[in-house]
């Protein structure tokens, strides 16, 4: 049994190893106003998306890069060009020219289970010698990273050790299939890393390849979570939902009659506990969808329909 488990780990690493790459970047030069400036350098990881040389990585790895170098498991070092990236989901695509690329195999991340063994493969700390491997389990499937007001990135939590440089590299199951893309760690936290579910990553990648950017459905609101303090201050009957602090002019929300001070309590029949639920609900919709919204306005129930538009750039 131990031998079988050991072979499963080895085979998984060998299977995805040929598809895992190191990504090195150089940005604009910086330094003191006198003397010779030096270039900004960065490092990360990536995984081959297809046989045409498209590499899936994270946006923060290539953000601001003037030059991208991709190093393959077989020793090849190729120049890469950024096809596009999306800072909201932290996904980006790099293109390299060449042949004999081995695309990774991708699993269905919706089928993941907490406790499932996984392996993280990447280029931690930019160390030489090729990709390294760490092991762990799926710790949680219900995490959401927030980088600013009104946003949120659904992620998988794992205890497979990841460090700076692992970003963009694959998190794989014991069949060597990519289940997520490693994206972030929490400083000073031990044994906690986060990865973008591969279903979401591939959806973003397809839009980048097709449009050069991600087209998202847009409601046109901004707000914050309703809690007891907010409810008491504004006299809100609901104890959860999204308090609207802004309704954009010309937006679907304005056309539907929503106003600043309204509290969104349900989207498409699904109760909203806060902004994260609103963001997730909109991600599941398409541009042009008409969606039912339940809200509260000055203690009175309100129900409207909004036709989602394309988010302006």
Protein backbone atom coordinates (compact mmCIF):
# COMPACT_ATOMS: atom_id res chain seq x y z
CA UNK A 1 0.00 0.00 0.00
CA UNK A 2 2.83 2.40 0.88
CA UNK A 3 4.59 1.51 -2.36
CA UNK A 4 1.40 2.21 -4.33
CA UNK A 5 1.00 5.62 -2.68
CA UNK A 6 4.64 6.44 -3.32
CA UNK A 7 4.29 5.49 -6.99
CA UNK A 8 1.15 7.62 -7.27
CA UNK A 9 3.08 10.67 -6.06
CA UNK A 10 6.03 9.98 -8.35
CA UNK A 11 3.83 9.37 -11.40
CA UNK A 12 1.82 12.54 -10.75
CA UNK A 13 4.98 14.64 -10.60
CA UNK A 14 6.40 13.06 -13.75
CA UNK A 15 3.11 13.55 -15.57
CA UNK A 16 2.85 17.28 -14.91
CA UNK A 17 6.58 17.99 -14.74
CA UNK A 18 7.00 18.41 -18.50
CA UNK A 19 4.17 20.97 -18.49
CA UNK A 20 5.48 23.10 -15.62
CA UNK A 21 7.73 26.08 -16.41
CA UNK A 22 9.68 28.77 -14.61
CA UNK A 23 8.78 32.36 -15.48
CA UNK A 24 11.37 35.12 -15.01
CA UNK A 25 10.58 38.77 -15.63
CA UNK A 26 12.41 42.07 -15.89
CA UNK A 27 10.68 45.42 -15.50
CA UNK A 28 11.67 49.05 -15.93
CA UNK A 29 15.03 50.00 -14.45
CA UNK A 30 15.10 51.72 -11.07
CA UNK A 31 17.69 53.10 -8.68
CA UNK A 32 19.11 56.40 -7.42
CA UNK A 33 19.03 59.45 -9.70
CA UNK A 34 22.82 59.21 -9.99
CA UNK A 35 24.84 56.19 -11.04
CA UNK A 36 23.74 53.19 -13.07
CA UNK A 37 20.13 51.98 -12.61
CA UNK A 38 19.35 48.28 -12.40
CA UNK A 39 16.32 46.39 -13.76
CA UNK A 40 13.49 45.15 -11.61
CA UNK A 41 13.44 41.35 -11.64
CA UNK A 42 10.82 38.84 -10.65
CA UNK A 43 10.16 35.15 -10.80
CA UNK A 44 7.24 32.77 -10.76
CA UNK A 45 5.90 29.64 -12.34
CA UNK A 46 3.46 28.58 -15.02
CA UNK A 47 1.85 25.61 -16.72
CA UNK A 48 1.46 24.88 -20.43
CA UNK A 49 -2.11 25.47 -21.52
CA UNK A 50 -1.85 23.94 -25.00
CA UNK A 51 0.55 22.64 -27.63
CA UNK A 52 0.74 26.09 -29.29
CA UNK A 53 2.94 27.48 -26.52
CA UNK A 54 0.40 29.33 -24.38
CA UNK A 55 1.45 29.38 -20.73
CA UNK A 56 -1.06 29.87 -17.92
CA UNK A 57 0.30 31.86 -14.96
CA UNK A 58 -0.78 34.54 -12.48
CA UNK A 59 -1.20 38.20 -13.35
CA UNK A 60 0.97 39.49 -10.52
CA UNK A 61 3.92 37.48 -11.85
CA UNK A 62 3.97 39.32 -15.19
CA UNK A 63 2.40 42.63 -14.17
CA UNK A 64 4.63 45.48 -15.34
CA UNK A 65 7.14 43.13 -16.99
CA UNK A 66 9.10 44.53 -19.92
CA UNK A 67 10.69 41.16 -20.63
CA UNK A 68 9.55 37.59 -19.93
CA UNK A 69 11.75 34.50 -20.04
CA UNK A 70 10.25 31.00 -19.82
CA UNK A 71 12.41 28.04 -18.79
CA UNK A 72 11.15 24.53 -19.54
CA UNK A 73 11.77 21.24 -17.75
CA UNK A 74 13.89 20.01 -20.69
CA UNK A 75 16.25 22.97 -20.29
CA UNK A 76 14.93 25.17 -23.09
CA UNK A 77 14.92 28.90 -22.37
CA UNK A 78 12.53 30.90 -24.56
CA UNK A 79 11.43 34.51 -24.72
CA UNK A 80 7.75 35.00 -23.94
CA UNK A 81 5.18 37.66 -24.79
CA UNK A 82 2.26 38.59 -22.54
CA UNK A 83 -1.02 37.88 -24.36
CA UNK A 84 -3.13 39.43 -21.63
CA UNK A 85 -3.95 39.34 -17.95
CA UNK A 86 -6.75 39.93 -15.49
CA UNK A 87 -5.86 41.45 -12.14
CA UNK A 88 -9.27 40.68 -10.61
CA UNK A 89 -8.78 36.91 -10.90
CA UNK A 90 -4.95 37.08 -10.97
CA UNK A 91 -4.75 35.07 -14.20
CA UNK A 92 -2.52 35.80 -17.20
CA UNK A 93 -1.41 34.15 -20.45
CA UNK A 94 2.12 34.15 -21.91
CA UNK A 95 2.93 32.99 -25.47
CA UNK A 96 6.23 31.39 -26.47
CA UNK A 97 7.22 30.32 -29.99
CA UNK A 98 8.55 26.83 -30.58
CA UNK A 99 7.44 23.22 -30.84
CA UNK A 100 7.16 20.02 -28.83
CA UNK A 101 5.15 21.62 -26.04
CA UNK A 102 3.46 19.20 -23.65
CA UNK A 103 0.14 20.64 -22.50
CA UNK A 104 -1.00 19.80 -18.98
CA UNK A 105 -4.09 17.76 -18.26
CA UNK A 106 -6.79 19.61 -16.34
CA UNK A 107 -9.26 18.19 -13.84
CA UNK A 108 -12.74 19.41 -12.87
CA UNK A 109 -12.15 21.58 -9.80
CA UNK A 110 -15.87 21.45 -8.96
CA UNK A 111 -15.31 17.81 -7.98
CA UNK A 112 -12.61 18.52 -5.38
CA UNK A 113 -13.12 17.36 -1.79
CA UNK A 114 -11.71 18.71 1.46
CA UNK A 115 -8.97 16.35 2.61
CA UNK A 116 -8.01 15.30 -0.92
CA UNK A 117 -4.21 14.93 -1.39
CA UNK A 118 -2.59 17.48 -3.70
CA UNK A 119 0.91 18.46 -4.85
CA UNK A 120 2.19 21.99 -5.46
CA UNK A 121 4.84 22.31 -8.17
CA UNK A 122 6.73 25.48 -8.97
CA UNK A 123 9.81 27.66 -8.67
CA UNK A 124 9.94 28.81 -5.03
CA UNK A 125 12.23 31.76 -4.36
CA UNK A 126 13.61 31.49 -7.89
CA UNK A 127 16.01 28.75 -6.78
CA UNK A 128 18.04 27.05 -9.54
CA UNK A 129 17.70 23.36 -10.31
CA UNK A 130 14.22 23.18 -11.78
CA UNK A 131 10.75 22.95 -10.22
CA UNK A 132 10.29 21.64 -6.68
CA UNK A 133 7.41 19.65 -5.23
CA UNK A 134 5.52 19.89 -1.94
CA UNK A 135 2.54 17.86 -0.77
CA UNK A 136 -0.54 18.47 1.31
CA UNK A 137 -4.31 18.32 1.16
CA UNK A 138 -7.23 20.50 0.17
CA UNK A 139 -7.84 22.37 3.42
CA UNK A 140 -10.92 24.37 2.40
CA UNK A 141 -13.03 25.03 -0.66
CA UNK A 142 -14.77 28.06 0.85
CA UNK A 143 -12.24 30.85 1.00
CA UNK A 144 -12.52 34.31 -0.53
CA UNK A 145 -9.61 36.75 -0.81
CA UNK A 146 -10.52 40.44 -0.90
CA UNK A 147 -8.10 42.96 -2.38
CA UNK A 148 -10.33 46.03 -2.23
CA UNK A 149 -13.90 47.17 -1.52
CA UNK A 150 -16.51 45.31 -3.48
CA UNK A 151 -14.34 42.54 -4.86
CA UNK A 152 -13.39 39.01 -3.87
CA UNK A 153 -11.53 36.06 -5.34
CA UNK A 154 -12.88 32.57 -4.55
CA UNK A 155 -9.88 30.34 -3.85
CA UNK A 156 -8.90 26.90 -2.61
CA UNK A 157 -6.90 26.70 0.61
CA UNK A 158 -4.15 24.09 0.87
CA UNK A 159 -1.45 23.19 3.35
CA UNK A 160 0.99 22.18 0.59
CA UNK A 161 3.94 24.50 1.23
CA UNK A 162 4.11 27.39 -1.25
CA UNK A 163 6.46 30.36 -1.29
CA UNK A 164 7.10 33.41 -3.48
CA UNK A 165 7.93 31.96 -6.88
CA UNK A 166 5.28 29.22 -6.67
CA UNK A 167 2.73 31.72 -7.98
CA UNK A 168 1.40 30.62 -11.35
CA UNK A 169 2.44 27.02 -10.83
CA UNK A 170 0.03 24.10 -10.75
CA UNK A 171 -1.67 22.44 -7.82
CA UNK A 172 -2.32 18.87 -8.99
CA UNK A 173 -4.13 15.74 -7.85
CA UNK A 174 -2.50 12.32 -7.57
CA UNK A 175 -3.30 11.64 -11.22
CA UNK A 176 -1.11 14.57 -12.24
CA UNK A 177 -4.08 16.69 -13.36
CA UNK A 178 -4.06 20.41 -12.62
CA UNK A 179 -6.82 21.30 -10.16
CA UNK A 180 -5.79 24.90 -9.38
CA UNK A 181 -3.19 27.62 -9.98
CA UNK A 182 -1.18 28.70 -6.92
CA UNK A 183 -1.65 32.40 -6.25
CA UNK A 184 -0.99 33.66 -2.71
CA UNK A 185 0.21 33.06 0.81
CA UNK A 186 -0.47 34.92 4.05
CA UNK A 187 2.67 36.47 5.60
CA UNK A 188 3.61 34.91 8.96
CA UNK A 189 0.97 32.17 8.56
CA UNK A 190 2.31 28.62 8.55
CA UNK A 191 0.90 25.94 6.28
CA UNK A 192 -1.64 28.15 4.51
CA UNK A 193 -1.61 28.76 0.77
CA UNK A 194 -4.26 29.66 -1.76
CA UNK A 195 -4.91 28.60 -5.33
CA UNK A 196 -7.37 29.61 -8.04
CA UNK A 197 -9.72 26.74 -9.01
CA UNK A 198 -8.77 25.56 -12.49
CA UNK A 199 -12.32 25.80 -13.83
CA UNK A 200 -12.31 29.53 -13.08
CA UNK A 201 -8.76 29.96 -14.36
CA UNK A 202 -9.52 28.25 -17.67
CA UNK A 203 -12.66 30.35 -18.14
CA UNK A 204 -10.61 33.52 -17.75
CA UNK A 205 -7.87 32.13 -20.02
CA UNK A 206 -10.37 31.45 -22.80
CA UNK A 207 -11.61 35.04 -22.68
CA UNK A 208 -8.07 36.42 -22.72
CA UNK A 209 -7.22 34.32 -25.77
CA UNK A 210 -10.43 35.30 -27.55
CA UNK A 211 -10.81 38.96 -26.60
CA UNK A 212 -7.50 39.99 -25.04
CA UNK A 213 -9.34 40.76 -21.80
CA UNK A 214 -12.19 39.44 -19.66
CA UNK A 215 -15.74 40.53 -20.42
CA UNK A 216 -17.85 40.56 -17.27
CA UNK A 217 -21.52 41.12 -16.55
CA UNK A 218 -22.12 44.46 -14.81
CA UNK A 219 -24.83 45.53 -12.41
CA UNK A 220 -23.26 48.88 -11.49
CA UNK A 221 -23.34 48.98 -7.70
CA UNK A 222 -20.84 49.27 -4.89
CA UNK A 223 -21.49 48.69 -1.21
CA UNK A 224 -20.54 46.84 1.93
CA UNK A 225 -21.77 44.03 4.13
CA UNK A 226 -24.72 44.60 6.43
CA UNK A 227 -23.98 43.65 10.04
CA UNK A 228 -25.69 44.52 13.32
CA UNK A 229 -23.85 47.83 13.62
CA UNK A 230 -24.74 48.95 10.09
CA UNK A 231 -28.32 47.76 10.51
CA UNK A 232 -28.74 49.67 13.77
CA UNK A 233 -27.16 52.86 12.41
CA UNK A 234 -29.31 53.00 9.27
CA UNK A 235 -32.45 51.44 10.74
CA UNK A 236 -32.28 48.41 8.46
CA UNK A 237 -34.63 45.54 9.17
CA UNK A 238 -32.45 42.92 7.45
CA UNK A 239 -29.48 41.58 9.37
CA UNK A 240 -27.52 40.58 6.29
CA UNK A 241 -27.17 41.71 2.69
CA UNK A 242 -25.33 44.42 0.74
CA UNK A 243 -25.84 48.08 1.64
CA UNK A 244 -25.59 50.14 -1.55
CA UNK A 245 -23.18 53.04 -1.16
CA UNK A 246 -23.06 53.78 -4.89
CA UNK A 247 -25.26 53.20 -7.94
CA UNK A 248 -23.46 54.07 -11.18
CA UNK A 249 -25.11 56.47 -13.58
CA UNK A 250 -26.43 54.70 -16.67
CA UNK A 251 -26.01 51.29 -15.07
CA UNK A 252 -28.43 48.34 -15.13
CA UNK A 253 -28.99 48.92 -11.40
CA UNK A 254 -30.09 52.52 -12.01
CA UNK A 255 -32.35 51.43 -14.87
CA UNK A 256 -33.95 48.87 -12.55
CA UNK A 257 -34.70 51.60 -9.99
CA UNK A 258 -32.15 50.73 -7.31
CA UNK A 259 -30.93 53.62 -5.17
CA UNK A 260 -28.15 54.44 -2.73
CA UNK A 261 -29.28 53.21 0.71
CA UNK A 262 -31.08 50.15 -0.63
CA UNK A 263 -30.07 46.80 0.85
CA UNK A 264 -29.77 43.91 -1.60
CA UNK A 265 -30.95 40.75 0.13
CA UNK A 266 -31.31 38.28 -2.76
CA UNK A 267 -29.88 37.85 -6.25
CA UNK A 268 -31.49 35.41 -8.64
CA UNK A 269 -33.33 33.70 -5.81
CA UNK A 270 -30.16 33.23 -3.74
CA UNK A 271 -29.87 35.02 -0.39
CA UNK A 272 -26.99 37.47 -0.06
CA UNK A 273 -25.05 37.46 3.19
CA UNK A 274 -22.65 40.11 1.91
CA UNK A 275 -20.57 41.50 -0.94
CA UNK A 276 -18.78 38.19 -1.55
CA UNK A 277 -22.10 36.51 -2.37
CA UNK A 278 -23.02 39.36 -4.72
CA UNK A 279 -19.67 39.08 -6.54
CA UNK A 280 -20.00 35.29 -6.83
CA UNK A 281 -23.59 35.57 -8.06
CA UNK A 282 -22.65 38.02 -10.80
CA UNK A 283 -19.70 35.85 -11.90
CA UNK A 284 -22.13 33.03 -12.59
CA UNK A 285 -24.21 35.18 -14.94
CA UNK A 286 -23.71 36.23 -18.54
CA UNK A 287 -23.90 39.63 -20.20
CA UNK A 288 -27.50 40.21 -21.23
CA UNK A 289 -29.03 38.03 -18.51
CA UNK A 290 -32.08 39.41 -16.72
CA UNK A 291 -31.84 38.77 -13.02
CA UNK A 292 -34.36 39.03 -10.15
CA UNK A 293 -33.21 41.20 -7.25
CA UNK A 294 -34.88 41.47 -3.85
CA UNK A 295 -34.01 44.45 -1.70
CA UNK A 296 -35.10 46.51 1.28
CA UNK A 297 -35.76 50.27 1.10
CA UNK A 298 -36.58 52.14 4.29
CA UNK A 299 -38.00 48.99 5.87
CA UNK A 300 -40.10 48.03 2.85
CA UNK A 301 -39.51 44.98 0.65
CA UNK A 302 -38.60 45.75 -2.95
CA UNK A 303 -38.31 43.46 -5.96
CA UNK A 304 -36.85 44.51 -9.31
CA UNK A 305 -35.41 42.98 -12.47
CA UNK A 306 -32.09 44.14 -13.96
CA UNK A 307 -30.60 43.27 -17.34
CA UNK A 308 -26.87 42.86 -16.91
CA UNK A 309 -24.60 44.83 -19.26
CA UNK A 310 -20.91 44.49 -20.10
CA UNK A 311 -18.65 46.06 -17.48
CA UNK A 312 -17.08 49.24 -18.90
CA UNK A 313 -13.29 49.53 -19.02
